[in-house]
Amino acid sequence: MTNIDNTSVEERTKRKTKKEKNTEKCERGQTEENKRITQDEVLDEEEDEEKEEEDEYVDHYQKRNVKDQ
């Protein structure tokens, strides 16, 4: 009877350890995903700023060309 109890305790310990490891992996994965999302947002902002600058440049020269004609 003691042998059965020990096996049961060992199995519960193994399951608990496995669950903890899986939780850690999941948290690490979520953290990495959040980093990627943040990086994508920063890149999108930079791209938008570059596009605005380009549009301002183009507008300026288009107005200048219209005045010259």
C-alpha atoms as a PDB file:
ATOM      1  CA  MET A   1       0.000   0.000   0.000  1.00  0.00           C
ATOM      2  CA  THR A   2       2.844   2.391   0.696  1.00  0.00           C
ATOM      3  CA  ASN A   3       4.254   1.709  -2.747  1.00  0.00           C
ATOM      4  CA  ILE A   4       0.993   2.768  -4.423  1.00  0.00           C
ATOM      5  CA  ASP A   5       0.860   5.958  -2.355  1.00  0.00           C
ATOM      6  CA  ASN A   6       4.422   6.861  -3.288  1.00  0.00           C
ATOM      7  CA  THR A   7       3.694   6.306  -6.977  1.00  0.00           C
ATOM      8  CA  SER A   8       0.655   8.547  -6.736  1.00  0.00           C
ATOM      9  CA  VAL A   9       2.658  11.302  -5.057  1.00  0.00           C
ATOM     10  CA  GLU A  10       5.433  10.974  -7.640  1.00  0.00           C
ATOM     11  CA  GLU A  11       2.942  11.216 -10.490  1.00  0.00           C
ATOM     12  CA  ARG A  12       1.327  14.324  -9.017  1.00  0.00           C
ATOM     13  CA  THR A  13       4.748  15.884  -8.544  1.00  0.00           C
ATOM     14  CA  LYS A  14       5.691  15.115 -12.144  1.00  0.00           C
ATOM     15  CA  ARG A  15       2.424  16.576 -13.450  1.00  0.00           C
ATOM     16  CA  LYS A  16       2.890  19.693 -11.335  1.00  0.00           C
ATOM     17  CA  THR A  17       6.462  20.136 -12.550  1.00  0.00           C
ATOM     18  CA  LYS A  18       5.393  19.627 -16.169  1.00  0.00           C
ATOM     19  CA  LYS A  19       2.565  22.134 -15.771  1.00  0.00           C
ATOM     20  CA  GLU A  20       4.964  24.715 -14.292  1.00  0.00           C
ATOM     21  CA  LYS A  21       7.400  24.250 -17.180  1.00  0.00           C
ATOM     22  CA  ASN A  22       4.603  24.642 -19.727  1.00  0.00           C
ATOM     23  CA  THR A  23       3.409  27.790 -17.974  1.00  0.00           C
ATOM     24  CA  GLU A  24       6.936  29.247 -18.093  1.00  0.00           C
ATOM     25  CA  LYS A  25       7.231  28.449 -21.811  1.00  0.00           C
ATOM     26  CA  CYS A  26       3.870  30.061 -22.478  1.00  0.00           C
ATOM     27  CA  GLU A  27       4.810  33.203 -20.548  1.00  0.00           C
ATOM     28  CA  ARG A  28       8.136  33.428 -22.373  1.00  0.00           C
ATOM     29  CA  GLY A  29       6.376  33.024 -25.706  1.00  0.00           C
ATOM     30  CA  GLN A  30       3.848  35.709 -24.822  1.00  0.00           C
ATOM     31  CA  THR A  31       6.639  38.081 -23.805  1.00  0.00           C
ATOM     32  CA  GLU A  32       8.434  37.516 -27.113  1.00  0.00           C
ATOM     33  CA  GLU A  33       5.188  38.079 -29.016  1.00  0.00           C
ATOM     34  CA  ASN A  34       4.600  41.341 -27.142  1.00  0.00           C
ATOM     35  CA  LYS A  35       8.120  42.479 -28.054  1.00  0.00           C
ATOM     36  CA  ARG A  36       7.452  41.716 -31.733  1.00  0.00           C
ATOM     37  CA  ILE A  37       4.142  43.594 -31.648  1.00  0.00           C
ATOM     38  CA  THR A  38       5.786  46.610 -30.034  1.00  0.00           C
ATOM     39  CA  GLN A  39       8.592  46.566 -32.578  1.00  0.00           C
ATOM     40  CA  ASP A  40       6.064  46.369 -35.427  1.00  0.00           C
ATOM     41  CA  GLU A  41       4.172  49.355 -34.007  1.00  0.00           C
ATOM     42  CA  VAL A  42       7.376  51.400 -33.808  1.00  0.00           C
ATOM     43  CA  LEU A  43       8.280  50.496 -37.386  1.00  0.00           C
ATOM     44  CA  ASP A  44       4.778  51.424 -38.554  1.00  0.00           C
ATOM     45  CA  GLU A  45       5.063  54.812 -36.844  1.00  0.00           C
ATOM     46  CA  GLU A  46       8.431  55.477 -38.469  1.00  0.00           C
ATOM     47  CA  GLU A  47       7.045  54.480 -41.848  1.00  0.00           C
ATOM     48  CA  ASP A  48       4.079  56.826 -41.394  1.00  0.00           C
ATOM     49  CA  GLU A  49       6.401  59.698 -40.473  1.00  0.00           C
ATOM     50  CA  GLU A  50       8.559  59.071 -43.545  1.00  0.00           C
ATOM     51  CA  LYS A  51       5.459  58.987 -45.729  1.00  0.00           C
ATOM     52  CA  GLU A  52       4.258  62.307 -44.291  1.00  0.00           C
ATOM     53  CA  GLU A  53       7.642  63.932 -44.942  1.00  0.00           C
ATOM     54  CA  GLU A  54       7.629  62.589 -48.484  1.00  0.00           C
ATOM     55  CA  ASP A  55       4.102  63.892 -49.067  1.00  0.00           C
ATOM     56  CA  GLU A  56       5.066  67.346 -47.755  1.00  0.00           C
ATOM     57  CA  TYR A  57       8.088  67.392 -50.054  1.00  0.00           C
ATOM     58  CA  VAL A  58       6.019  66.380 -53.076  1.00  0.00           C
ATOM     59  CA  ASP A  59       3.280  68.917 -52.249  1.00  0.00           C
ATOM     60  CA  HIS A  60       5.821  71.697 -51.917  1.00  0.00           C
ATOM     61  CA  TYR A  61       7.347  71.030 -55.330  1.00  0.00           C
ATOM     62  CA  GLN A  62       3.998  70.483 -57.004  1.00  0.00           C
ATOM     63  CA  LYS A  63       2.814  73.900 -55.765  1.00  0.00           C
ATOM     64  CA  ARG A  64       6.076  75.448 -56.891  1.00  0.00           C
ATOM     65  CA  ASN A  65       5.720  73.916 -60.344  1.00  0.00           C
ATOM     66  CA  VAL A  66       2.168  75.217 -60.660  1.00  0.00           C
ATOM     67  CA  LYS A  67       3.346  78.752 -59.782  1.00  0.00           C
ATOM     68  CA  ASP A  68       6.104  78.548 -62.399  1.00  0.00           C
ATOM     69  CA  GLN A  69       3.680  77.670 -65.188  1.00  0.00           C
END
